[in-house]
Structure formats: C-alpha cells, structure tokens
Amino acid sequence: MATTPTNNGIEIKEDERNKKFNVGDHVKFTNVSALPDSEGIIEKKYNNSALIAFKPNDVITQQMYEELNGRYVVNYDNLKVIKNSKKK
C-alpha cells in the first residue's frame, strides 16, 4: 500500500477507495447529512474522505455556503468523479 504526503505532512494510505480521486477533481457528492446532493472540487485528501470545496447553486443556498465556509468533508463512498484533474 503506497502512502502520499499531504500539505501538512500527514501521510495518506492509498487504497482502492481513495486512489481513484485526486486533488482538483470535479466530483459529485451524495447522501451527505448537512448538504443536498451537489458538486464540488477536491481540495485535500484524507485516508477515508476528502475536503470538498463547493459554491452556492440551485440546491446549496448562500446561507449553507456561509455556515460551512464553502467546504465540507465527504467520505469517498459518497463521491463520484465527474471530471478528473489529471490529463491522460
């Protein structure tokens, strides 16, 4: 199992769930308790989840955005890549 250092020096253990996600990927998140299903960008990876940056849209209100500072941690099980950040 490979490890990847993060910005703050903590190593991420790469596994089958998290290796298919990259920082910068445009993702759809679903089944998140504090937010309706929507989209965002991966800002940071953790072992079991990712920090997703999102913006107000048709389903995320300005109030939700402000209360959560435009970011939310989402488990990889609730993410789907829409557009990969890495060119192939």
PDB file of N, CA and C in Angstrom:
ATOM      1  N   MET A   1       0.841  -1.168   0.000  1.00  0.00           N
ATOM      2  CA  MET A   1       0.000   0.000   0.000  1.00  0.00           C
ATOM      3  C   MET A   1       0.891   1.238   0.000  1.00  0.00           C
ATOM      4  N   ALA A   2       0.710   2.113  -0.947  1.00  0.00           N
ATOM      5  CA  ALA A   2       1.527   3.327  -1.064  1.00  0.00           C
ATOM      6  C   ALA A   2       1.008   4.408  -0.133  1.00  0.00           C
ATOM      7  N   THR A   3       1.901   5.327   0.224  1.00  0.00           N
ATOM      8  CA  THR A   3       1.490   6.479   1.016  1.00  0.00           C
ATOM      9  C   THR A   3       1.828   7.752   0.258  1.00  0.00           C
ATOM     10  N   THR A   4       1.022   8.774   0.478  1.00  0.00           N
ATOM     11  CA  THR A   4       1.214  10.063  -0.167  1.00  0.00           C
ATOM     12  C   THR A   4       1.209  11.141   0.904  1.00  0.00           C
ATOM     13  N   PRO A   5       2.258  11.984   0.976  1.00  0.00           N
ATOM     14  CA  PRO A   5       2.232  13.054   1.975  1.00  0.00           C
ATOM     15  C   PRO A   5       1.227  14.141   1.598  1.00  0.00           C
ATOM     16  N   THR A   6       0.597  14.720   2.606  1.00  0.00           N
ATOM     17  CA  THR A   6      -0.328  15.819   2.367  1.00  0.00           C
ATOM     18  C   THR A   6       0.385  17.134   2.618  1.00  0.00           C
ATOM     19  N   ASN A   7      -0.333  18.231   2.461  1.00  0.00           N
ATOM     20  CA  ASN A   7       0.258  19.550   2.676  1.00  0.00           C
ATOM     21  C   ASN A   7       0.810  19.736   4.069  1.00  0.00           C
ATOM     22  N   ASN A   8       0.177  19.118   5.069  1.00  0.00           N
ATOM     23  CA  ASN A   8       0.616  19.323   6.439  1.00  0.00           C
ATOM     24  C   ASN A   8       1.509  18.188   6.943  1.00  0.00           C
ATOM     25  N   GLY A   9       2.022  17.350   6.067  1.00  0.00           N
ATOM     26  CA  GLY A   9       2.972  16.313   6.439  1.00  0.00           C
ATOM     27  C   GLY A   9       2.373  14.988   6.860  1.00  0.00           C
ATOM     28  N   ILE A  10       1.054  14.892   6.986  1.00  0.00           N
ATOM     29  CA  ILE A  10       0.409  13.632   7.346  1.00  0.00           C
ATOM     30  C   ILE A  10       0.348  12.754   6.107  1.00  0.00           C
ATOM     31  N   GLU A  11       0.720  11.493   6.262  1.00  0.00           N
ATOM     32  CA  GLU A  11       0.710  10.593   5.114  1.00  0.00           C
ATOM     33  C   GLU A  11      -0.664   9.957   4.926  1.00  0.00           C
ATOM     34  N   ILE A  12      -1.078   9.888   3.680  1.00  0.00           N
ATOM     35  CA  ILE A  12      -2.329   9.244   3.305  1.00  0.00           C
ATOM     36  C   ILE A  12      -2.013   7.830   2.849  1.00  0.00           C
ATOM     37  N   LYS A  13      -2.710   6.848   3.393  1.00  0.00           N
ATOM     38  CA  LYS A  13      -2.538   5.468   2.944  1.00  0.00           C
ATOM     39  C   LYS A  13      -3.431   5.254   1.728  1.00  0.00           C
ATOM     40  N   GLU A  14      -2.787   5.097   0.567  1.00  0.00           N
ATOM     41  CA  GLU A  14      -3.537   4.877  -0.677  1.00  0.00           C
ATOM     42  C   GLU A  14      -4.167   3.487  -0.640  1.00  0.00           C
ATOM     43  N   ASP A  15      -5.447   3.418  -0.968  1.00  0.00           N
ATOM     44  CA  ASP A  15      -6.135   2.135  -1.063  1.00  0.00           C
ATOM     45  C   ASP A  15      -7.081   2.180  -2.264  1.00  0.00           C
ATOM     46  N   GLU A  16      -7.841   1.116  -2.450  1.00  0.00           N
ATOM     47  CA  GLU A  16      -8.719   1.012  -3.617  1.00  0.00           C
ATOM     48  C   GLU A  16      -9.757   2.134  -3.675  1.00  0.00           C
ATOM     49  N   ARG A  17     -10.226   2.590  -2.505  1.00  0.00           N
ATOM     50  CA  ARG A  17     -11.257   3.630  -2.493  1.00  0.00           C
ATOM     51  C   ARG A  17     -10.700   5.004  -2.816  1.00  0.00           C
ATOM     52  N   ASN A  18      -9.567   5.375  -2.225  1.00  0.00           N
ATOM     53  CA  ASN A  18      -9.116   6.759  -2.377  1.00  0.00           C
ATOM     54  C   ASN A  18      -8.145   6.995  -3.527  1.00  0.00           C
ATOM     55  N   LYS A  19      -7.572   5.943  -4.103  1.00  0.00           N
ATOM     56  CA  LYS A  19      -6.593   6.175  -5.167  1.00  0.00           C
ATOM     57  C   LYS A  19      -7.229   6.649  -6.478  1.00  0.00           C
ATOM     58  N   LYS A  20      -8.535   6.478  -6.627  1.00  0.00           N
ATOM     59  CA  LYS A  20      -9.185   6.941  -7.862  1.00  0.00           C
ATOM     60  C   LYS A  20      -9.584   8.417  -7.800  1.00  0.00           C
ATOM     61  N   PHE A  21      -9.297   9.086  -6.672  1.00  0.00           N
ATOM     62  CA  PHE A  21      -9.593  10.505  -6.515  1.00  0.00           C
ATOM     63  C   PHE A  21      -8.301  11.297  -6.412  1.00  0.00           C
ATOM     64  N   ASN A  22      -8.285  12.494  -7.001  1.00  0.00           N
ATOM     65  CA  ASN A  22      -7.113  13.365  -6.967  1.00  0.00           C
ATOM     66  C   ASN A  22      -7.531  14.768  -6.550  1.00  0.00           C
ATOM     67  N   VAL A  23      -6.611  15.484  -5.927  1.00  0.00           N
ATOM     68  CA  VAL A  23      -6.860  16.889  -5.610  1.00  0.00           C
ATOM     69  C   VAL A  23      -7.118  17.619  -6.929  1.00  0.00           C
ATOM     70  N   GLY A  24      -8.169  18.411  -6.953  1.00  0.00           N
ATOM     71  CA  GLY A  24      -8.543  19.139  -8.165  1.00  0.00           C
ATOM     72  C   GLY A  24      -9.646  18.478  -8.970  1.00  0.00           C
ATOM     73  N   ASP A  25      -9.969  17.215  -8.668  1.00  0.00           N
ATOM     74  CA  ASP A  25     -11.051  16.532  -9.381  1.00  0.00           C
ATOM     75  C   ASP A  25     -12.384  17.221  -9.116  1.00  0.00           C
ATOM     76  N   HIS A  26     -13.206  17.332 -10.154  1.00  0.00           N
ATOM     77  CA  HIS A  26     -14.585  17.815 -10.028  1.00  0.00           C
ATOM     78  C   HIS A  26     -15.416  16.583  -9.692  1.00  0.00           C
ATOM     79  N   VAL A  27     -16.113  16.608  -8.553  1.00  0.00           N
ATOM     80  CA  VAL A  27     -16.843  15.436  -8.081  1.00  0.00           C
ATOM     81  C   VAL A  27     -18.295  15.770  -7.764  1.00  0.00           C
ATOM     82  N   LYS A  28     -19.116  14.730  -7.786  1.00  0.00           N
ATOM     83  CA  LYS A  28     -20.496  14.834  -7.321  1.00  0.00           C
ATOM     84  C   LYS A  28     -20.539  14.160  -5.961  1.00  0.00           C
ATOM     85  N   PHE A  29     -21.192  14.799  -4.984  1.00  0.00           N
ATOM     86  CA  PHE A  29     -21.349  14.156  -3.686  1.00  0.00           C
ATOM     87  C   PHE A  29     -22.828  13.926  -3.415  1.00  0.00           C
ATOM     88  N   THR A  30     -23.116  12.781  -2.790  1.00  0.00           N
ATOM     89  CA  THR A  30     -24.487  12.376  -2.488  1.00  0.00           C
ATOM     90  C   THR A  30     -24.562  11.849  -1.062  1.00  0.00           C
ATOM     91  N   ASN A  31     -25.760  11.808  -0.516  1.00  0.00           N
ATOM     92  CA  ASN A  31     -26.013  11.243   0.817  1.00  0.00           C
ATOM     93  C   ASN A  31     -25.161  11.874   1.909  1.00  0.00           C
ATOM     94  N   VAL A  32     -24.988  13.191   1.846  1.00  0.00           N
ATOM     95  CA  VAL A  32     -24.230  13.922   2.854  1.00  0.00           C
ATOM     96  C   VAL A  32     -25.236  14.570   3.793  1.00  0.00           C
ATOM     97  N   SER A  33     -25.059  14.398   5.099  1.00  0.00           N
ATOM     98  CA  SER A  33     -26.074  14.838   6.061  1.00  0.00           C
ATOM     99  C   SER A  33     -26.340  16.339   6.049  1.00  0.00           C
ATOM    100  N   ALA A  34     -25.326  17.174   5.914  1.00  0.00           N
ATOM    101  CA  ALA A  34     -25.514  18.623   6.024  1.00  0.00           C
ATOM    102  C   ALA A  34     -25.826  19.309   4.695  1.00  0.00           C
ATOM    103  N   LEU A  35     -25.692  18.586   3.581  1.00  0.00           N
ATOM    104  CA  LEU A  35     -25.861  19.212   2.270  1.00  0.00           C
ATOM    105  C   LEU A  35     -26.726  18.363   1.348  1.00  0.00           C
ATOM    106  N   PRO A  36     -27.459  19.010   0.441  1.00  0.00           N
ATOM    107  CA  PRO A  36     -28.153  18.253  -0.598  1.00  0.00           C
ATOM    108  C   PRO A  36     -27.138  17.751  -1.626  1.00  0.00           C
ATOM    109  N   ASP A  37     -27.521  16.768  -2.422  1.00  0.00           N
ATOM    110  CA  ASP A  37     -26.636  16.257  -3.471  1.00  0.00           C
ATOM    111  C   ASP A  37     -26.214  17.408  -4.379  1.00  0.00           C
ATOM    112  N   SER A  38     -24.916  17.506  -4.629  1.00  0.00           N
ATOM    113  CA  SER A  38     -24.404  18.594  -5.446  1.00  0.00           C
ATOM    114  C   SER A  38     -23.018  18.242  -5.966  1.00  0.00           C
ATOM    115  N   GLU A  39     -22.262  19.269  -6.387  1.00  0.00           N
ATOM    116  CA  GLU A  39     -20.931  19.070  -6.960  1.00  0.00           C
ATOM    117  C   GLU A  39     -19.928  20.000  -6.306  1.00  0.00           C
ATOM    118  N   GLY A  40     -18.639  19.622  -6.406  1.00  0.00           N
ATOM    119  CA  GLY A  40     -17.577  20.455  -5.879  1.00  0.00           C
ATOM    120  C   GLY A  40     -16.225  19.978  -6.372  1.00  0.00           C
ATOM    121  N   ILE A  41     -15.175  20.550  -5.807  1.00  0.00           N
ATOM    122  CA  ILE A  41     -13.798  20.234  -6.191  1.00  0.00           C
ATOM    123  C   ILE A  41     -13.057  19.696  -4.970  1.00  0.00           C
ATOM    124  N   ILE A  42     -12.281  18.617  -5.158  1.00  0.00           N
ATOM    125  CA  ILE A  42     -11.480  18.069  -4.064  1.00  0.00           C
ATOM    126  C   ILE A  42     -10.320  19.021  -3.782  1.00  0.00           C
ATOM    127  N   GLU A  43     -10.255  19.503  -2.533  1.00  0.00           N
ATOM    128  CA  GLU A  43      -9.161  20.383  -2.116  1.00  0.00           C
ATOM    129  C   GLU A  43      -8.072  19.624  -1.383  1.00  0.00           C
ATOM    130  N   LYS A  44      -8.454  18.574  -0.663  1.00  0.00           N
ATOM    131  CA  LYS A  44      -7.492  17.838   0.149  1.00  0.00           C
ATOM    132  C   LYS A  44      -7.988  16.411   0.335  1.00  0.00           C
ATOM    133  N   LYS A  45      -7.060  15.463   0.326  1.00  0.00           N
ATOM    134  CA  LYS A  45      -7.406  14.062   0.536  1.00  0.00           C
ATOM    135  C   LYS A  45      -7.015  13.621   1.943  1.00  0.00           C
ATOM    136  N   TYR A  46      -7.850  12.778   2.523  1.00  0.00           N
ATOM    137  CA  TYR A  46      -7.569  12.110   3.790  1.00  0.00           C
ATOM    138  C   TYR A  46      -7.668  10.615   3.538  1.00  0.00           C
ATOM    139  N   ASN A  47      -7.444   9.783   4.564  1.00  0.00           N
ATOM    140  CA  ASN A  47      -7.493   8.328   4.372  1.00  0.00           C
ATOM    141  C   ASN A  47      -8.868   7.838   3.919  1.00  0.00           C
ATOM    142  N   ASN A  48      -9.945   8.326   4.555  1.00  0.00           N
ATOM    143  CA  ASN A  48     -11.287   7.822   4.271  1.00  0.00           C
ATOM    144  C   ASN A  48     -12.229   8.848   3.658  1.00  0.00           C
ATOM    145  N   SER A  49     -11.744  10.067   3.477  1.00  0.00           N
ATOM    146  CA  SER A  49     -12.616  11.133   2.997  1.00  0.00           C
ATOM    147  C   SER A  49     -11.797  12.219   2.310  1.00  0.00           C
ATOM    148  N   ALA A  50     -12.511  13.193   1.760  1.00  0.00           N
ATOM    149  CA  ALA A  50     -11.856  14.314   1.078  1.00  0.00           C
ATOM    150  C   ALA A  50     -12.544  15.609   1.472  1.00  0.00           C
ATOM    151  N   LEU A  51     -11.772  16.694   1.495  1.00  0.00           N
ATOM    152  CA  LEU A  51     -12.318  18.022   1.740  1.00  0.00           C
ATOM    153  C   LEU A  51     -12.789  18.571   0.396  1.00  0.00           C
ATOM    154  N   ILE A  52     -14.083  18.854   0.306  1.00  0.00           N
ATOM    155  CA  ILE A  52     -14.692  19.311  -0.941  1.00  0.00           C
ATOM    156  C   ILE A  52     -15.037  20.792  -0.830  1.00  0.00           C
ATOM    157  N   ALA A  53     -14.602  21.580  -1.801  1.00  0.00           N
ATOM    158  CA  ALA A  53     -14.990  22.990  -1.888  1.00  0.00           C
ATOM    159  C   ALA A  53     -16.200  23.075  -2.811  1.00  0.00           C
ATOM    160  N   PHE A  54     -17.200  23.823  -2.388  1.00  0.00           N
ATOM    161  CA  PHE A  54     -18.410  23.971  -3.194  1.00  0.00           C
ATOM    162  C   PHE A  54     -18.836  25.430  -3.212  1.00  0.00           C
ATOM    163  N   LYS A  55     -19.741  25.753  -4.128  1.00  0.00           N
ATOM    164  CA  LYS A  55     -20.260  27.117  -4.258  1.00  0.00           C
ATOM    165  C   LYS A  55     -21.780  27.063  -4.193  1.00  0.00           C
ATOM    166  N   PRO A  56     -22.402  28.184  -3.845  1.00  0.00           N
ATOM    167  CA  PRO A  56     -23.877  28.209  -3.865  1.00  0.00           C
ATOM    168  C   PRO A  56     -24.379  27.918  -5.282  1.00  0.00           C
ATOM    169  N   ASN A  57     -25.497  27.213  -5.360  1.00  0.00           N
ATOM    170  CA  ASN A  57     -26.087  26.891  -6.657  1.00  0.00           C
ATOM    171  C   ASN A  57     -27.592  26.701  -6.475  1.00  0.00           C
ATOM    172  N   ASP A  58     -28.225  25.965  -7.367  1.00  0.00           N
ATOM    173  CA  ASP A  58     -29.674  25.758  -7.298  1.00  0.00           C
ATOM    174  C   ASP A  58     -30.106  25.025  -6.030  1.00  0.00           C
ATOM    175  N   VAL A  59     -29.250  24.151  -5.481  1.00  0.00           N
ATOM    176  CA  VAL A  59     -29.633  23.355  -4.306  1.00  0.00           C
ATOM    177  C   VAL A  59     -28.890  23.751  -3.029  1.00  0.00           C
ATOM    178  N   ILE A  60     -27.734  24.379  -3.151  1.00  0.00           N
ATOM    179  CA  ILE A  60     -26.987  24.853  -1.984  1.00  0.00           C
ATOM    180  C   ILE A  60     -27.212  26.356  -1.856  1.00  0.00           C
ATOM    181  N   THR A  61     -27.846  26.749  -0.762  1.00  0.00           N
ATOM    182  CA  THR A  61     -28.168  28.162  -0.569  1.00  0.00           C
ATOM    183  C   THR A  61     -26.935  28.943  -0.124  1.00  0.00           C
ATOM    184  N   GLN A  62     -27.026  30.241  -0.238  1.00  0.00           N
ATOM    185  CA  GLN A  62     -25.961  31.128   0.228  1.00  0.00           C
ATOM    186  C   GLN A  62     -25.747  30.944   1.730  1.00  0.00           C
ATOM    187  N   GLN A  63     -26.814  30.714   2.471  1.00  0.00           N
ATOM    188  CA  GLN A  63     -26.710  30.507   3.915  1.00  0.00           C
ATOM    189  C   GLN A  63     -25.925  29.234   4.232  1.00  0.00           C
ATOM    190  N   MET A  64     -26.231  28.129   3.534  1.00  0.00           N
ATOM    191  CA  MET A  64     -25.476  26.877   3.732  1.00  0.00           C
ATOM    192  C   MET A  64     -24.000  27.102   3.428  1.00  0.00           C
ATOM    193  N   TYR A  65     -23.746  27.778   2.323  1.00  0.00           N
ATOM    194  CA  TYR A  65     -22.380  28.064   1.903  1.00  0.00           C
ATOM    195  C   TYR A  65     -21.630  28.828   2.992  1.00  0.00           C
ATOM    196  N   GLU A  66     -22.234  29.867   3.521  1.00  0.00           N
ATOM    197  CA  GLU A  66     -21.590  30.688   4.548  1.00  0.00           C
ATOM    198  C   GLU A  66     -21.398  29.936   5.862  1.00  0.00           C
ATOM    199  N   GLU A  67     -22.387  29.145   6.261  1.00  0.00           N
ATOM    200  CA  GLU A  67     -22.289  28.392   7.513  1.00  0.00           C
ATOM    201  C   GLU A  67     -21.166  27.353   7.479  1.00  0.00           C
ATOM    202  N   LEU A  68     -20.913  26.783   6.311  1.00  0.00           N
ATOM    203  CA  LEU A  68     -19.889  25.739   6.169  1.00  0.00           C
ATOM    204  C   LEU A  68     -18.601  26.270   5.545  1.00  0.00           C
ATOM    205  N   ASN A  69     -18.517  27.582   5.349  1.00  0.00           N
ATOM    206  CA  ASN A  69     -17.344  28.219   4.748  1.00  0.00           C
ATOM    207  C   ASN A  69     -16.996  27.644   3.375  1.00  0.00           C
ATOM    208  N   GLY A  70     -17.999  27.153   2.675  1.00  0.00           N
ATOM    209  CA  GLY A  70     -17.802  26.658   1.317  1.00  0.00           C
ATOM    210  C   GLY A  70     -17.022  25.367   1.219  1.00  0.00           C
ATOM    211  N   ARG A  71     -16.897  24.645   2.339  1.00  0.00           N
ATOM    212  CA  ARG A  71     -16.132  23.384   2.344  1.00  0.00           C
ATOM    213  C   ARG A  71     -16.831  22.363   3.226  1.00  0.00           C
ATOM    214  N   TYR A  72     -16.661  21.093   2.866  1.00  0.00           N
ATOM    215  CA  TYR A  72     -17.248  20.021   3.674  1.00  0.00           C
ATOM    216  C   TYR A  72     -16.441  18.742   3.453  1.00  0.00           C
ATOM    217  N   VAL A  73     -16.253  17.964   4.505  1.00  0.00           N
ATOM    218  CA  VAL A  73     -15.538  16.691   4.402  1.00  0.00           C
ATOM    219  C   VAL A  73     -16.549  15.607   4.042  1.00  0.00           C
ATOM    220  N   VAL A  74     -16.248  14.862   2.968  1.00  0.00           N
ATOM    221  CA  VAL A  74     -17.166  13.843   2.451  1.00  0.00           C
ATOM    222  C   VAL A  74     -16.425  12.523   2.327  1.00  0.00           C
ATOM    223  N   ASN A  75     -17.050  11.445   2.787  1.00  0.00           N
ATOM    224  CA  ASN A  75     -16.496  10.098   2.677  1.00  0.00           C
ATOM    225  C   ASN A  75     -16.385   9.713   1.194  1.00  0.00           C
ATOM    226  N   TYR A  76     -15.328   8.982   0.840  1.00  0.00           N
ATOM    227  CA  TYR A  76     -15.129   8.563  -0.553  1.00  0.00           C
ATOM    228  C   TYR A  76     -16.307   7.746  -1.087  1.00  0.00           C
ATOM    229  N   ASP A  77     -17.001   7.026  -0.209  1.00  0.00           N
ATOM    230  CA  ASP A  77     -18.155   6.235  -0.648  1.00  0.00           C
ATOM    231  C   ASP A  77     -19.267   7.119  -1.214  1.00  0.00           C
ATOM    232  N   ASN A  78     -19.270   8.389  -0.855  1.00  0.00           N
ATOM    233  CA  ASN A  78     -20.318   9.310  -1.293  1.00  0.00           C
ATOM    234  C   ASN A  78     -19.859  10.248  -2.409  1.00  0.00           C
ATOM    235  N   LEU A  79     -18.739   9.926  -3.044  1.00  0.00           N
ATOM    236  CA  LEU A  79     -18.191  10.755  -4.118  1.00  0.00           C
ATOM    237  C   LEU A  79     -18.156  10.001  -5.440  1.00  0.00           C
ATOM    238  N   LYS A  80     -18.330  10.751  -6.520  1.00  0.00           N
ATOM    239  CA  LYS A  80     -18.191  10.205  -7.871  1.00  0.00           C
ATOM    240  C   LYS A  80     -17.468  11.256  -8.708  1.00  0.00           C
ATOM    241  N   VAL A  81     -16.402  10.856  -9.398  1.00  0.00           N
ATOM    242  CA  VAL A  81     -15.648  11.791 -10.223  1.00  0.00           C
ATOM    243  C   VAL A  81     -16.453  12.168 -11.458  1.00  0.00           C
ATOM    244  N   ILE A  82     -16.584  13.467 -11.683  1.00  0.00           N
ATOM    245  CA  ILE A  82     -17.237  13.979 -12.894  1.00  0.00           C
ATOM    246  C   ILE A  82     -16.176  14.310 -13.928  1.00  0.00           C
ATOM    247  N   LYS A  83     -15.124  14.991 -13.474  1.00  0.00           N
ATOM    248  CA  LYS A  83     -14.020  15.351 -14.361  1.00  0.00           C
ATOM    249  C   LYS A  83     -12.707  15.203 -13.599  1.00  0.00           C
ATOM    250  N   ASN A  84     -11.835  14.356 -14.123  1.00  0.00           N
ATOM    251  CA  ASN A  84     -10.552  14.109 -13.488  1.00  0.00           C
ATOM    252  C   ASN A  84      -9.616  15.293 -13.733  1.00  0.00           C
ATOM    253  N   SER A  85      -8.875  15.679 -12.711  1.00  0.00           N
ATOM    254  CA  SER A  85      -7.965  16.828 -12.825  1.00  0.00           C
ATOM    255  C   SER A  85      -6.698  16.496 -13.584  1.00  0.00           C
ATOM    256  N   LYS A  86      -6.341  15.220 -13.651  1.00  0.00           N
ATOM    257  CA  LYS A  86      -5.105  14.834 -14.328  1.00  0.00           C
ATOM    258  C   LYS A  86      -5.384  14.502 -15.777  1.00  0.00           C
ATOM    259  N   LYS A  87      -4.531  15.031 -16.655  1.00  0.00           N
ATOM    260  CA  LYS A  87      -4.660  14.730 -18.091  1.00  0.00           C
ATOM    261  C   LYS A  87      -4.078  13.361 -18.358  1.00  0.00           C
ATOM    262  N   LYS A  88      -4.745  12.635 -19.236  1.00  0.00           N
ATOM    263  CA  LYS A  88      -4.274  11.279 -19.558  1.00  0.00           C
ATOM    264  C   LYS A  88      -3.677  11.244 -20.926  1.00  0.00           C
TER     265      LYS A  88
END
